[in-house]
C-alpha atoms as a PDB file:
ATOM      1  CA  UNK A   1      83.534  89.683-107.510  1.00  0.00           C
ATOM      2  CA  UNK A   2      80.603  89.925-105.335  1.00  0.00           C
ATOM      3  CA  UNK A   3      82.495  91.633-102.448  1.00  0.00           C
ATOM      4  CA  UNK A   4      83.420  94.222-104.713  1.00  0.00           C
ATOM      5  CA  UNK A   5      80.142  94.912-106.198  1.00  0.00           C
ATOM      6  CA  UNK A   6      78.632  94.899-102.550  1.00  0.00           C
ATOM      7  CA  UNK A   7      81.585  97.437-101.928  1.00  0.00           C
ATOM      8  CA  UNK A   8      81.103  99.308-104.589  1.00  0.00           C
ATOM      9  CA  UNK A   9      77.045  99.562-104.248  1.00  0.00           C
ATOM     10  CA  UNK A  10      77.764 100.663-100.555  1.00  0.00           C
ATOM     11  CA  UNK A  11      79.979 103.576-100.881  1.00  0.00           C
ATOM     12  CA  UNK A  12      78.004 104.685-103.782  1.00  0.00           C
ATOM     13  CA  UNK A  13      74.995 104.704-101.449  1.00  0.00           C
ATOM     14  CA  UNK A  14      76.824 106.596 -98.770  1.00  0.00           C
ATOM     15  CA  UNK A  15      77.979 109.106-100.937  1.00  0.00           C
ATOM     16  CA  UNK A  16      74.220 109.988-102.105  1.00  0.00           C
ATOM     17  CA  UNK A  17      72.972 109.912 -98.716  1.00  0.00           C
ATOM     18  CA  UNK A  18      76.010 112.344 -97.896  1.00  0.00           C
ATOM     19  CA  UNK A  19      75.246 114.609-100.958  1.00  0.00           C
ATOM     20  CA  UNK A  20      71.627 114.421-100.339  1.00  0.00           C
ATOM     21  CA  UNK A  21      72.063 115.419 -96.710  1.00  0.00           C
ATOM     22  CA  UNK A  22      74.066 118.299 -97.419  1.00  0.00           C
ATOM     23  CA  UNK A  23      77.168 117.085 -95.634  1.00  0.00           C
ATOM     24  CA  UNK A  24      79.368 117.369 -98.466  1.00  0.00           C
ATOM     25  CA  UNK A  25      78.225 120.867 -99.920  1.00  0.00           C
ATOM     26  CA  UNK A  26      80.505 123.687 -99.047  1.00  0.00           C
ATOM     27  CA  UNK A  27      79.253 126.950 -97.633  1.00  0.00           C
ATOM     28  CA  UNK A  28      76.862 125.806 -95.442  1.00  0.00           C
ATOM     29  CA  UNK A  29      76.186 127.424 -91.656  1.00  0.00           C
ATOM     30  CA  UNK A  30      76.314 125.072 -88.976  1.00  0.00           C
ATOM     31  CA  UNK A  31      72.882 123.969 -87.507  1.00  0.00           C
ATOM     32  CA  UNK A  32      71.925 124.639 -83.936  1.00  0.00           C
ATOM     33  CA  UNK A  33      69.993 122.346 -81.549  1.00  0.00           C
ATOM     34  CA  UNK A  34      67.026 124.710 -82.077  1.00  0.00           C
ATOM     35  CA  UNK A  35      66.337 124.482 -86.288  1.00  0.00           C
ATOM     36  CA  UNK A  36      68.134 121.130 -87.316  1.00  0.00           C
ATOM     37  CA  UNK A  37      68.482 120.197 -90.566  1.00  0.00           C
ATOM     38  CA  UNK A  38      65.765 121.472 -93.498  1.00  0.00           C
ATOM     39  CA  UNK A  39      63.340 118.608 -94.991  1.00  0.00           C
ATOM     40  CA  UNK A  40      64.934 120.077 -98.444  1.00  0.00           C
ATOM     41  CA  UNK A  41      68.366 118.723 -96.692  1.00  0.00           C
ATOM     42  CA  UNK A  42      67.890 114.997 -95.653  1.00  0.00           C
ATOM     43  CA  UNK A  43      67.890 111.859 -97.308  1.00  0.00           C
ATOM     44  CA  UNK A  44      64.873 110.164 -98.763  1.00  0.00           C
ATOM     45  CA  UNK A  45      63.653 107.175 -96.903  1.00  0.00           C
ATOM     46  CA  UNK A  46      62.179 104.235 -98.810  1.00  0.00           C
ATOM     47  CA  UNK A  47      58.655 105.711 -99.095  1.00  0.00           C
ATOM     48  CA  UNK A  48      59.577 108.513-100.978  1.00  0.00           C
ATOM     49  CA  UNK A  49      59.815 111.108 -97.944  1.00  0.00           C
ATOM     50  CA  UNK A  50      62.642 112.872 -96.384  1.00  0.00           C
ATOM     51  CA  UNK A  51      63.271 111.122 -93.315  1.00  0.00           C
ATOM     52  CA  UNK A  52      61.659 112.219 -90.381  1.00  0.00           C
ATOM     53  CA  UNK A  53      58.840 113.402 -92.086  1.00  0.00           C
ATOM     54  CA  UNK A  54      55.423 112.402 -89.916  1.00  0.00           C
ATOM     55  CA  UNK A  55      53.506 109.244 -92.086  1.00  0.00           C
ATOM     56  CA  UNK A  56      50.713 106.841 -91.728  1.00  0.00           C
ATOM     57  CA  UNK A  57      51.621 103.906 -93.211  1.00  0.00           C
ATOM     58  CA  UNK A  58      49.184 100.790 -94.236  1.00  0.00           C
ATOM     59  CA  UNK A  59      49.810  97.147 -94.982  1.00  0.00           C
ATOM     60  CA  UNK A  60      50.487  93.656 -94.211  1.00  0.00           C
ATOM     61  CA  UNK A  61      53.385  91.680 -92.873  1.00  0.00           C
ATOM     62  CA  UNK A  62      55.521  90.252 -95.786  1.00  0.00           C
ATOM     63  CA  UNK A  63      55.577  86.846 -95.347  1.00  0.00           C
ATOM     64  CA  UNK A  64      57.960  85.571 -98.621  1.00  0.00           C
ATOM     65  CA  UNK A  65      61.753  85.756 -99.054  1.00  0.00           C
ATOM     66  CA  UNK A  66      64.352  86.455 -96.242  1.00  0.00           C
ATOM     67  CA  UNK A  67      62.151  88.699 -94.050  1.00  0.00           C
ATOM     68  CA  UNK A  68      61.843  89.193 -90.219  1.00  0.00           C
ATOM     69  CA  UNK A  69      58.314  89.296 -88.226  1.00  0.00           C
ATOM     70  CA  UNK A  70      58.502  93.340 -88.574  1.00  0.00           C
ATOM     71  CA  UNK A  71      58.885  93.779 -92.053  1.00  0.00           C
ATOM     72  CA  UNK A  72      55.489  95.546 -93.457  1.00  0.00           C
ATOM     73  CA  UNK A  73      54.486  95.628 -96.875  1.00  0.00           C
ATOM     74  CA  UNK A  74      53.666  99.075 -97.470  1.00  0.00           C
ATOM     75  CA  UNK A  75      50.797  99.766-100.015  1.00  0.00           C
ATOM     76  CA  UNK A  76      49.355 103.063 -98.722  1.00  0.00           C
ATOM     77  CA  UNK A  77      51.482 106.200 -97.175  1.00  0.00           C
ATOM     78  CA  UNK A  78      49.439 108.816 -96.070  1.00  0.00           C
ATOM     79  CA  UNK A  79      46.438 108.421 -98.060  1.00  0.00           C
ATOM     80  CA  UNK A  80      48.261 107.569-101.173  1.00  0.00           C
ATOM     81  CA  UNK A  81      48.398 104.167-102.680  1.00  0.00           C
ATOM     82  CA  UNK A  82      51.799 102.550-103.204  1.00  0.00           C
ATOM     83  CA  UNK A  83      52.165 100.110-106.092  1.00  0.00           C
ATOM     84  CA  UNK A  84      53.953  97.987-105.920  1.00  0.00           C
ATOM     85  CA  UNK A  85      53.905  97.599-102.208  1.00  0.00           C
ATOM     86  CA  UNK A  86      57.441  98.510-100.522  1.00  0.00           C
ATOM     87  CA  UNK A  87      58.928  96.102 -97.715  1.00  0.00           C
ATOM     88  CA  UNK A  88      60.033  98.362 -94.753  1.00  0.00           C
ATOM     89  CA  UNK A  89      61.239  97.106 -91.358  1.00  0.00           C
ATOM     90  CA  UNK A  90      58.769  98.644 -88.357  1.00  0.00           C
ATOM     91  CA  UNK A  91      60.712  99.194 -85.302  1.00  0.00           C
ATOM     92  CA  UNK A  92      59.284 100.221 -81.961  1.00  0.00           C
ATOM     93  CA  UNK A  93      56.488  97.497 -82.340  1.00  0.00           C
ATOM     94  CA  UNK A  94      55.928  94.002 -81.328  1.00  0.00           C
ATOM     95  CA  UNK A  95      56.192  91.438 -83.777  1.00  0.00           C
ATOM     96  CA  UNK A  96      53.389  92.282 -86.851  1.00  0.00           C
ATOM     97  CA  UNK A  97      50.323  89.900 -87.310  1.00  0.00           C
ATOM     98  CA  UNK A  98      50.503  87.698 -89.907  1.00  0.00           C
ATOM     99  CA  UNK A  99      47.569  87.957 -92.031  1.00  0.00           C
ATOM    100  CA  UNK A 100      46.226  91.245 -90.606  1.00  0.00           C
ATOM    101  CA  UNK A 101      46.054  94.911 -92.321  1.00  0.00           C
ATOM    102  CA  UNK A 102      48.155  97.158 -89.932  1.00  0.00           C
ATOM    103  CA  UNK A 103      48.000 100.862 -89.862  1.00  0.00           C
ATOM    104  CA  UNK A 104      50.842 102.767 -88.138  1.00  0.00           C
ATOM    105  CA  UNK A 105      51.891 106.328 -88.098  1.00  0.00           C
ATOM    106  CA  UNK A 106      55.286 107.431 -87.447  1.00  0.00           C
ATOM    107  CA  UNK A 107      58.647 108.144 -89.236  1.00  0.00           C
ATOM    108  CA  UNK A 108      61.199 106.883 -91.342  1.00  0.00           C
ATOM    109  CA  UNK A 109      64.586 106.952 -89.976  1.00  0.00           C
ATOM    110  CA  UNK A 110      68.139 105.854 -91.099  1.00  0.00           C
ATOM    111  CA  UNK A 111      71.699 104.025 -89.798  1.00  0.00           C
ATOM    112  CA  UNK A 112      74.610 103.022 -91.363  1.00  0.00           C
ATOM    113  CA  UNK A 113      75.226  98.953 -90.873  1.00  0.00           C
ATOM    114  CA  UNK A 114      77.479  96.207 -91.665  1.00  0.00           C
ATOM    115  CA  UNK A 115      81.583  97.108 -91.216  1.00  0.00           C
ATOM    116  CA  UNK A 116      83.260  99.269 -93.347  1.00  0.00           C
ATOM    117  CA  UNK A 117      86.135  97.538 -95.336  1.00  0.00           C
ATOM    118  CA  UNK A 118      88.890  99.232 -94.157  1.00  0.00           C
ATOM    119  CA  UNK A 119      88.391  98.749 -90.314  1.00  0.00           C
ATOM    120  CA  UNK A 120      87.793  94.891 -91.667  1.00  0.00           C
ATOM    121  CA  UNK A 121      91.235  94.580 -93.474  1.00  0.00           C
ATOM    122  CA  UNK A 122      93.094  96.942 -90.574  1.00  0.00           C
ATOM    123  CA  UNK A 123      91.442  94.395 -87.939  1.00  0.00           C
ATOM    124  CA  UNK A 124      91.775  91.308 -89.767  1.00  0.00           C
ATOM    125  CA  UNK A 125      87.810  90.600 -89.267  1.00  0.00           C
ATOM    126  CA  UNK A 126      86.029  88.277 -91.507  1.00  0.00           C
ATOM    127  CA  UNK A 127      83.610  89.811 -93.904  1.00  0.00           C
ATOM    128  CA  UNK A 128      80.269  90.650 -92.489  1.00  0.00           C
ATOM    129  CA  UNK A 129      76.785  89.422 -93.368  1.00  0.00           C
ATOM    130  CA  UNK A 130      75.698  92.926 -94.296  1.00  0.00           C
ATOM    131  CA  UNK A 131      77.737  95.276 -96.615  1.00  0.00           C
ATOM    132  CA  UNK A 132      78.587  99.031 -95.176  1.00  0.00           C
ATOM    133  CA  UNK A 133      75.618 100.577 -96.302  1.00  0.00           C
ATOM    134  CA  UNK A 134      72.765 102.847 -95.341  1.00  0.00           C
ATOM    135  CA  UNK A 135      69.759 101.415 -94.053  1.00  0.00           C
ATOM    136  CA  UNK A 136      66.306 103.188 -94.133  1.00  0.00           C
ATOM    137  CA  UNK A 137      63.467 101.593 -91.248  1.00  0.00           C
ATOM    138  CA  UNK A 138      60.506 102.886 -89.657  1.00  0.00           C
ATOM    139  CA  UNK A 139      59.987 104.340 -86.347  1.00  0.00           C
ATOM    140  CA  UNK A 140      56.030 103.399 -84.788  1.00  0.00           C
ATOM    141  CA  UNK A 141      55.229 106.105 -82.867  1.00  0.00           C
ATOM    142  CA  UNK A 142      51.289 104.859 -82.567  1.00  0.00           C
ATOM    143  CA  UNK A 143      49.199 102.112 -83.855  1.00  0.00           C
ATOM    144  CA  UNK A 144      45.844 102.960 -85.533  1.00  0.00           C
ATOM    145  CA  UNK A 145      45.296  99.483 -86.476  1.00  0.00           C
ATOM    146  CA  UNK A 146      44.968  96.514 -85.130  1.00  0.00           C
ATOM    147  CA  UNK A 147      44.391  96.778 -81.772  1.00  0.00           C
ATOM    148  CA  UNK A 148      46.341  93.713 -80.489  1.00  0.00           C
ATOM    149  CA  UNK A 149      49.600  95.567 -81.705  1.00  0.00           C
ATOM    150  CA  UNK A 150      51.521  97.143 -79.345  1.00  0.00           C
ATOM    151  CA  UNK A 151      54.514  99.795 -79.314  1.00  0.00           C
ATOM    152  CA  UNK A 152      57.517  98.356 -77.524  1.00  0.00           C
END
């Protein structure tokens, strides 16, 4: 039952991502290298903005639950308070310092993680830890605070 729910959730999330990105729409002209997708055709990130939007985020490292040392509990996005805080994985920085407020500039991106069910079945592979799903994360391009936190 858990596996079917996981697969259903993953398929639904992927379908929504396709619709939001415009991949499933008809009559679209192909994009060229200079124009790229418009903000209106991009899926939203966890922080409520289209992927690729330049943001300044603030928060502290998550310490509870199954989180890594790069999960930031974001409580402010580009000057706007976020309640409740949203946990977001931060890419392109060393481990976030515990108990220290972090202010980062960058943008959200996303990728598919996990293993598609059809691939697992055809290749006789064990069930993966992560369901096949779209995963959103934040790519830091600069660190405002703390001074000790460095980009990779």
